[in-house]
Amino acid sequence: MATESKLQDWRSDALKMEAAVGHTVVGQAETIHLINVALYARGHVLLEGGVGVGKTTVLRAFGRATGGDFERIEGTIDLMPGDLIYHTFVDAQGKPRIDPGPLLRHGEKLTTFFFNEINRSRPQVQSLLLRAMAERSVSAFDREYRFPHLTVFADRNKVEKEETFELASAARDRFLFELNMPTPSAREVRRALVFDPAFHDVDTLLQSVPEAVIDAARLNDIGAMIQRSVTLSPSIEKYVLDIWQATETPQRFGIELDGVDMERLILAGASARGMSALVRAVRVNAWLDGRLDVLPEDVHRVLLPALGHRVFFTPVYEMRRHELSEALIAMIVQRVAVP
């Protein structure tokens, strides 16, 4: 009972944080919910979306609500791995100085790191970031720096293709979710964003988000307790394993996509790491919904963001990745027998 009581208290705080961020960034309720899931599932997030949809604002709001430090860096063609670690300059006395870079300057207080336009940076830079994501640490200046509470968010420039370096398959697999953050379509939301002065001053807007609604330093422990406490029935476990099989050989489940040779579509299905990430997210979604048991609806809600970027297509179909991944996941939900 003590554990259930603690989980309920933590859930109340998590929902309070989600609501506070939702009042700041309107029209993005599903994205905000899934970012909340990722935080408690202790996974990193790859964001998709056009310019000016509020990606930085929503991450700053989550950073404020978790009480940790926020850092942002812009991906550029000339960015080097060392630029994440240190910053060199000449001080007022004309002497060379070396200061910690964006990954190091906050120490263990760094909780939210946003890499804007990650595909503009070279593979060497991406590789360093991937280590920070996987190990929550980097080596520099003959010592190891740790970021135990770090969550990395990155977005890609999808419009311009010159001077970009697309993320390798293994790199995409490091992200728990790939989330699309669309331009809001509801007329009342568009009207508020354009005409309400409250949404024109981001710094003032963010002040409305309560600070440290949750304790970021406890997220690892809370996340681990959620994983231990939320159960999957044998029928749900079978369902998840069938979904895994469907990402590898969809034709075995009668899945067909218009204009696609299904025998030539899949290069590789979801990895074991991807499936374990899916299960972590499923458990957190159930917990946020007030349950300690998983329903098929929990699986469906996180299936596309958790697996859509983890199914790898053959080169002839890779250019249609966005369209085909959504269609494939939708057909998996439709064709794989639900318990």
Protein backbone atom coordinates (compact mmCIF):
# COMPACT_ATOMS: atom_id res chain seq x y z
CA MET A 1 0.00 0.00 0.00
CA ALA A 2 2.85 2.39 0.73
CA THR A 3 4.19 1.94 -2.79
CA GLU A 4 0.75 2.51 -4.33
CA SER A 5 0.31 5.64 -2.22
CA LYS A 6 3.67 7.00 -3.37
CA LEU A 7 2.87 6.21 -7.00
CA GLN A 8 -0.44 8.04 -6.66
CA ASP A 9 1.26 11.11 -5.19
CA TRP A 10 3.86 11.12 -7.95
CA ARG A 11 1.13 10.69 -10.57
CA SER A 12 -0.68 13.75 -9.20
CA ASP A 13 2.52 15.77 -9.56
CA ALA A 14 3.09 14.43 -13.09
CA LEU A 15 -0.43 15.38 -14.18
CA LYS A 16 -0.05 18.80 -12.55
CA MET A 17 3.13 19.36 -14.57
CA GLU A 18 1.44 18.21 -17.78
CA ALA A 19 -1.47 20.59 -17.21
CA ALA A 20 0.84 23.53 -16.45
CA VAL A 21 2.83 23.01 -19.65
CA GLY A 22 -0.45 22.59 -21.57
CA HIS A 23 -1.61 26.03 -20.48
CA THR A 24 1.63 27.50 -21.79
CA VAL A 25 1.82 25.72 -25.14
CA VAL A 26 -1.73 25.41 -26.45
CA GLY A 27 -2.87 23.02 -29.15
CA GLN A 28 -0.18 20.42 -28.41
CA ALA A 29 -1.88 18.23 -25.80
CA GLU A 30 -0.81 14.88 -27.29
CA THR A 31 2.81 15.95 -27.76
CA ILE A 32 2.94 17.26 -24.19
CA HIS A 33 1.48 14.03 -22.82
CA LEU A 34 3.98 11.90 -24.72
CA ILE A 35 6.91 14.05 -23.58
CA ASN A 36 5.67 13.48 -20.04
CA VAL A 37 5.60 9.73 -20.73
CA ALA A 38 9.18 9.92 -22.05
CA LEU A 39 10.40 11.75 -18.94
CA TYR A 40 9.12 9.03 -16.61
CA ALA A 41 10.15 6.24 -18.99
CA ARG A 42 13.62 7.86 -18.90
CA GLY A 43 13.96 8.08 -22.66
CA HIS A 44 15.10 10.72 -25.12
CA VAL A 45 12.90 12.34 -27.75
CA LEU A 46 13.35 13.23 -31.42
CA LEU A 47 10.96 16.04 -32.34
CA GLU A 48 9.56 16.75 -35.79
CA GLY A 49 7.76 19.91 -36.78
CA GLY A 50 7.99 23.11 -38.71
CA VAL A 51 9.59 26.37 -37.65
CA GLY A 52 7.82 28.29 -34.92
CA VAL A 53 5.46 25.60 -33.62
CA GLY A 54 6.75 25.96 -30.04
CA LYS A 55 9.33 23.18 -29.67
CA THR A 56 11.75 25.29 -27.65
CA THR A 57 8.93 26.77 -25.57
CA VAL A 58 7.49 23.40 -24.59
CA LEU A 59 10.92 22.09 -23.61
CA ARG A 60 11.74 25.20 -21.59
CA ALA A 61 8.38 24.78 -19.83
CA PHE A 62 9.17 21.16 -18.96
CA GLY A 63 12.65 22.18 -17.84
CA ARG A 64 11.18 24.76 -15.50
CA ALA A 65 8.56 22.35 -14.14
CA THR A 66 11.19 19.71 -13.41
CA GLY A 67 13.32 22.24 -11.57
CA GLY A 68 16.49 21.42 -13.47
CA ASP A 69 18.67 23.40 -15.86
CA PHE A 70 17.83 23.82 -19.54
CA GLU A 71 20.41 24.08 -22.34
CA ARG A 72 20.00 24.54 -26.08
CA ILE A 73 22.47 24.30 -28.94
CA GLU A 74 22.06 24.92 -32.65
CA GLY A 75 23.29 22.35 -35.13
CA THR A 76 25.54 23.88 -37.80
CA ILE A 77 27.80 22.48 -40.50
CA ASP A 78 30.93 23.80 -38.72
CA LEU A 79 29.99 22.55 -35.23
CA MET A 80 32.65 20.24 -33.84
CA PRO A 81 32.44 17.72 -30.96
CA GLY A 82 34.61 19.93 -28.77
CA ASP A 83 32.03 22.73 -29.06
CA LEU A 84 29.72 20.68 -26.85
CA ILE A 85 32.48 20.26 -24.25
CA TYR A 86 34.32 23.56 -24.01
CA HIS A 87 34.30 27.18 -25.17
CA THR A 88 37.53 29.05 -25.96
CA PHE A 89 37.81 32.84 -25.99
CA VAL A 90 40.08 35.77 -25.13
CA ASP A 91 39.15 37.57 -21.93
CA ALA A 92 39.24 41.29 -21.19
CA GLN A 93 42.94 41.06 -20.25
CA GLY A 94 43.80 39.50 -23.59
CA LYS A 95 44.45 36.07 -22.10
CA PRO A 96 43.07 32.85 -23.64
CA ARG A 97 40.35 31.19 -21.60
CA ILE A 98 38.62 27.84 -21.72
CA ASP A 99 35.18 27.57 -20.17
CA PRO A 100 32.86 24.56 -19.99
CA GLY A 101 30.63 24.10 -23.01
CA PRO A 102 26.85 23.56 -23.05
CA LEU A 103 27.04 19.93 -21.92
CA LEU A 104 29.30 20.65 -18.95
CA ARG A 105 28.47 24.11 -17.66
CA HIS A 106 25.46 23.01 -15.59
CA GLY A 107 27.02 19.87 -14.14
CA GLU A 108 24.57 17.37 -12.68
CA LYS A 109 21.81 20.00 -12.66
CA LEU A 110 21.41 19.64 -16.42
CA THR A 111 18.05 17.93 -16.99
CA THR A 112 16.85 19.17 -20.40
CA PHE A 113 19.21 19.44 -23.38
CA PHE A 114 17.74 20.56 -26.71
CA PHE A 115 19.80 20.00 -29.86
CA ASN A 116 18.10 22.09 -32.55
CA GLU A 117 18.50 20.84 -36.15
CA ILE A 118 20.68 17.90 -35.21
CA ASN A 119 20.99 16.81 -38.84
CA ARG A 120 22.94 19.99 -39.63
CA SER A 121 25.79 18.75 -37.43
CA ARG A 122 28.47 16.31 -38.52
CA PRO A 123 28.31 12.60 -37.61
CA GLN A 124 31.17 13.11 -35.12
CA VAL A 125 29.01 15.59 -33.18
CA GLN A 126 26.01 13.30 -33.34
CA SER A 127 28.18 10.46 -32.05
CA LEU A 128 29.22 12.44 -28.97
CA LEU A 129 25.62 13.31 -28.26
CA LEU A 130 24.63 9.66 -28.60
CA ARG A 131 27.16 8.71 -25.93
CA ALA A 132 25.80 11.38 -23.62
CA MET A 133 22.33 9.97 -24.25
CA ALA A 134 23.26 6.32 -23.74
CA GLU A 135 25.57 6.73 -20.76
CA ARG A 136 24.51 10.14 -19.44
CA SER A 137 28.19 11.00 -19.20
CA VAL A 138 31.12 12.32 -21.26
CA SER A 139 34.88 12.31 -20.72
CA ALA A 140 36.74 15.62 -20.80
CA PHE A 141 39.75 17.25 -19.14
CA ASP A 142 40.95 13.87 -17.81
CA ARG A 143 37.77 13.16 -15.89
CA GLU A 144 34.26 11.89 -16.42
CA TYR A 145 31.31 14.25 -16.20
CA ARG A 146 27.95 12.67 -15.35
CA PHE A 147 24.43 13.92 -16.04
CA PRO A 148 22.27 11.35 -14.22
CA HIS A 149 19.00 13.22 -14.73
CA LEU A 150 19.52 14.25 -18.35
CA THR A 151 16.87 14.00 -21.06
CA VAL A 152 17.96 14.89 -24.59
CA PHE A 153 15.58 16.35 -27.14
CA ALA A 154 16.55 16.89 -30.75
CA ASP A 155 14.80 18.06 -33.87
CA ARG A 156 15.65 17.80 -37.55
CA ASN A 157 15.47 20.36 -40.33
CA LYS A 158 13.13 18.59 -42.76
CA VAL A 159 12.85 21.42 -45.29
CA GLU A 160 16.42 22.11 -46.35
CA LYS A 161 18.53 19.18 -47.51
CA GLU A 162 21.80 20.96 -48.35
CA GLU A 163 24.59 20.62 -45.80
CA THR A 164 22.66 18.13 -43.69
CA PHE A 165 23.66 14.73 -42.29
CA GLU A 166 20.72 12.43 -41.70
CA LEU A 167 20.76 10.37 -38.53
CA ALA A 168 21.90 6.80 -39.02
CA SER A 169 19.50 3.98 -38.18
CA ALA A 170 21.38 3.16 -34.97
CA ALA A 171 21.19 6.81 -33.94
CA ARG A 172 17.44 7.00 -34.44
CA ASP A 173 17.06 3.83 -32.38
CA ARG A 174 18.55 5.66 -29.38
CA PHE A 175 15.47 7.88 -29.12
CA LEU A 176 12.55 6.50 -27.15
CA PHE A 177 10.05 8.53 -29.19
CA GLU A 178 9.89 10.38 -32.46
CA LEU A 179 7.11 12.94 -32.03
CA ASN A 180 5.49 15.09 -34.66
CA MET A 181 4.62 18.55 -33.34
CA PRO A 182 2.22 19.94 -35.95
CA THR A 183 0.99 23.46 -36.47
CA PRO A 184 -2.32 23.65 -34.56
CA SER A 185 -5.34 23.39 -36.83
CA ALA A 186 -8.15 24.41 -34.44
CA ARG A 187 -9.31 27.92 -35.29
CA GLU A 188 -9.63 29.07 -31.66
CA VAL A 189 -6.06 27.93 -30.91
CA ARG A 190 -4.74 29.71 -34.01
CA ARG A 191 -6.61 32.85 -33.00
CA ALA A 192 -5.07 32.78 -29.50
CA LEU A 193 -1.54 32.26 -30.83
CA VAL A 194 -1.83 35.13 -33.29
CA PHE A 195 -3.90 37.71 -31.40
CA ASP A 196 -3.47 37.04 -27.67
CA PRO A 197 -0.49 39.11 -26.42
CA ALA A 198 0.13 36.53 -23.68
CA PHE A 199 1.59 34.18 -26.32
CA HIS A 200 3.85 36.86 -27.83
CA ASP A 201 6.21 37.15 -24.85
CA VAL A 202 7.62 33.68 -24.25
CA ASP A 203 9.74 34.61 -21.21
CA THR A 204 6.75 36.09 -19.40
CA LEU A 205 4.57 33.18 -20.48
CA LEU A 206 7.00 30.69 -19.00
CA GLN A 207 6.82 32.45 -15.64
CA SER A 208 3.30 31.05 -15.32
CA VAL A 209 4.71 27.52 -15.17
CA PRO A 210 5.29 26.55 -11.52
CA GLU A 211 8.92 25.80 -10.76
CA ALA A 212 10.02 22.33 -9.64
CA VAL A 213 6.57 20.74 -9.72
CA ILE A 214 8.48 17.47 -9.64
CA ASP A 215 11.98 16.66 -8.48
CA ALA A 216 14.08 15.81 -11.53
CA ALA A 217 16.67 14.20 -9.28
CA ARG A 218 14.10 11.54 -8.35
CA LEU A 219 12.93 10.72 -11.87
CA ASN A 220 15.24 7.72 -12.21
CA ASP A 221 13.97 6.18 -8.98
CA ILE A 222 10.33 6.99 -9.73
CA GLY A 223 10.67 5.60 -13.24
CA ALA A 224 12.17 2.38 -11.91
CA MET A 225 9.35 1.97 -9.41
CA ILE A 226 6.76 2.47 -12.16
CA GLN A 227 8.41 -0.26 -14.21
CA ARG A 228 8.37 -2.64 -11.23
CA SER A 229 4.79 -1.85 -10.24
CA VAL A 230 2.82 -1.78 -13.51
CA THR A 231 2.12 -5.28 -14.79
CA LEU A 232 1.48 -6.77 -18.22
CA SER A 233 -0.81 -9.79 -18.41
CA PRO A 234 0.30 -12.82 -20.44
CA SER A 235 -2.15 -11.85 -23.19
CA ILE A 236 -0.68 -8.34 -23.40
CA GLU A 237 2.84 -9.80 -23.48
CA LYS A 238 1.81 -12.04 -26.40
CA TYR A 239 0.28 -9.02 -28.13
CA VAL A 240 3.52 -7.05 -27.83
CA LEU A 241 5.55 -9.97 -29.16
CA ASP A 242 3.15 -10.33 -32.11
CA ILE A 243 3.59 -6.63 -32.86
CA TRP A 244 7.35 -7.13 -32.85
CA GLN A 245 6.97 -9.98 -35.34
CA ALA A 246 4.71 -7.80 -37.48
CA THR A 247 7.41 -5.12 -37.78
CA GLU A 248 9.75 -7.77 -39.17
CA THR A 249 7.42 -9.77 -41.45
CA PRO A 250 4.16 -7.83 -41.81
CA GLN A 251 2.92 -10.10 -44.62
CA ARG A 252 2.58 -12.95 -42.08
CA PHE A 253 -0.27 -10.98 -40.51
CA GLY A 254 -1.95 -10.17 -43.80
CA ILE A 255 -0.67 -6.59 -43.80
CA GLU A 256 -0.60 -4.90 -47.20
CA LEU A 257 0.08 -1.29 -48.19
CA ASP A 258 -1.09 0.25 -51.45
CA GLY A 259 1.61 0.37 -54.09
CA VAL A 260 4.14 -1.49 -51.92
CA ASP A 261 5.81 -4.84 -52.54
CA MET A 262 5.61 -6.15 -48.98
CA GLU A 263 8.34 -8.73 -49.62
CA ARG A 264 10.77 -5.88 -50.38
CA LEU A 265 9.60 -3.29 -47.84
CA ILE A 266 11.34 -4.20 -44.58
CA LEU A 267 15.10 -4.00 -44.21
CA ALA A 268 14.96 -4.55 -40.44
CA GLY A 269 12.14 -4.60 -37.93
CA ALA A 270 12.17 -3.06 -34.49
CA SER A 271 15.15 -3.97 -32.31
CA ALA A 272 15.02 -5.61 -28.89
CA ARG A 273 15.99 -2.22 -27.46
CA GLY A 274 13.09 -0.65 -29.31
CA MET A 275 10.61 -3.16 -27.97
CA SER A 276 11.82 -2.75 -24.39
CA ALA A 277 11.48 1.01 -24.87
CA LEU A 278 7.91 0.47 -26.07
CA VAL A 279 7.11 -1.53 -22.94
CA ARG A 280 8.62 1.14 -20.68
CA ALA A 281 6.43 3.77 -22.33
CA VAL A 282 3.35 1.53 -22.17
CA ARG A 283 3.77 1.07 -18.42
CA VAL A 284 4.16 4.80 -17.84
CA ASN A 285 1.09 5.59 -19.95
CA ALA A 286 -0.98 3.14 -17.86
CA TRP A 287 0.34 4.72 -14.65
CA LEU A 288 -0.52 8.22 -15.82
CA ASP A 289 -4.02 6.92 -16.57
CA GLY A 290 -4.33 5.77 -12.97
CA ARG A 291 -3.79 2.04 -13.47
CA LEU A 292 -1.18 -0.53 -12.45
CA ASP A 293 -2.16 -2.89 -15.26
CA VAL A 294 -1.69 -2.40 -19.00
CA LEU A 295 -4.53 -2.31 -21.52
CA PRO A 296 -4.26 -2.57 -25.32
CA GLU A 297 -5.12 1.13 -25.48
CA ASP A 298 -1.84 1.93 -23.71
CA VAL A 299 0.05 0.05 -26.41
CA HIS A 300 -1.84 1.80 -29.21
CA ARG A 301 -1.22 5.27 -27.80
CA VAL A 302 2.57 4.97 -27.81
CA LEU A 303 3.04 2.52 -30.69
CA LEU A 304 3.70 4.98 -33.54
CA PRO A 305 6.03 7.32 -31.61
CA ALA A 306 7.95 4.38 -30.12
CA LEU A 307 8.28 2.17 -33.21
CA GLY A 308 7.62 4.32 -36.27
CA HIS A 309 11.25 5.46 -36.49
CA ARG A 310 12.63 2.03 -35.56
CA VAL A 311 11.35 0.06 -38.56
CA PHE A 312 13.89 0.38 -41.36
CA PHE A 313 12.85 0.22 -44.99
CA THR A 314 14.81 -0.87 -48.03
CA PRO A 315 16.33 2.02 -50.04
CA VAL A 316 13.60 1.98 -52.67
CA TYR A 317 11.02 2.83 -49.99
CA GLU A 318 13.11 4.86 -47.54
CA MET A 319 12.27 8.15 -49.30
CA ARG A 320 8.63 7.55 -48.35
CA ARG A 321 9.50 6.78 -44.72
CA HIS A 322 7.09 9.20 -43.03
CA GLU A 323 4.09 8.06 -45.07
CA LEU A 324 4.88 4.35 -44.95
CA SER A 325 5.77 4.14 -41.26
CA GLU A 326 2.44 5.69 -40.27
CA ALA A 327 0.55 3.41 -42.65
CA LEU A 328 2.41 0.32 -41.44
CA ILE A 329 1.79 1.01 -37.75
CA ALA A 330 -1.88 1.71 -38.48
CA MET A 331 -2.18 -1.63 -40.27
CA ILE A 332 -0.40 -3.43 -37.42
CA VAL A 333 -3.01 -2.05 -35.01
CA GLN A 334 -5.74 -3.17 -37.39
CA ARG A 335 -4.44 -6.64 -38.28
CA VAL A 336 -2.67 -8.01 -35.20
CA ALA A 337 -5.22 -9.67 -32.95
CA VAL A 338 -5.96 -7.57 -29.88
CA PRO A 339 -6.39 -9.44 -26.58
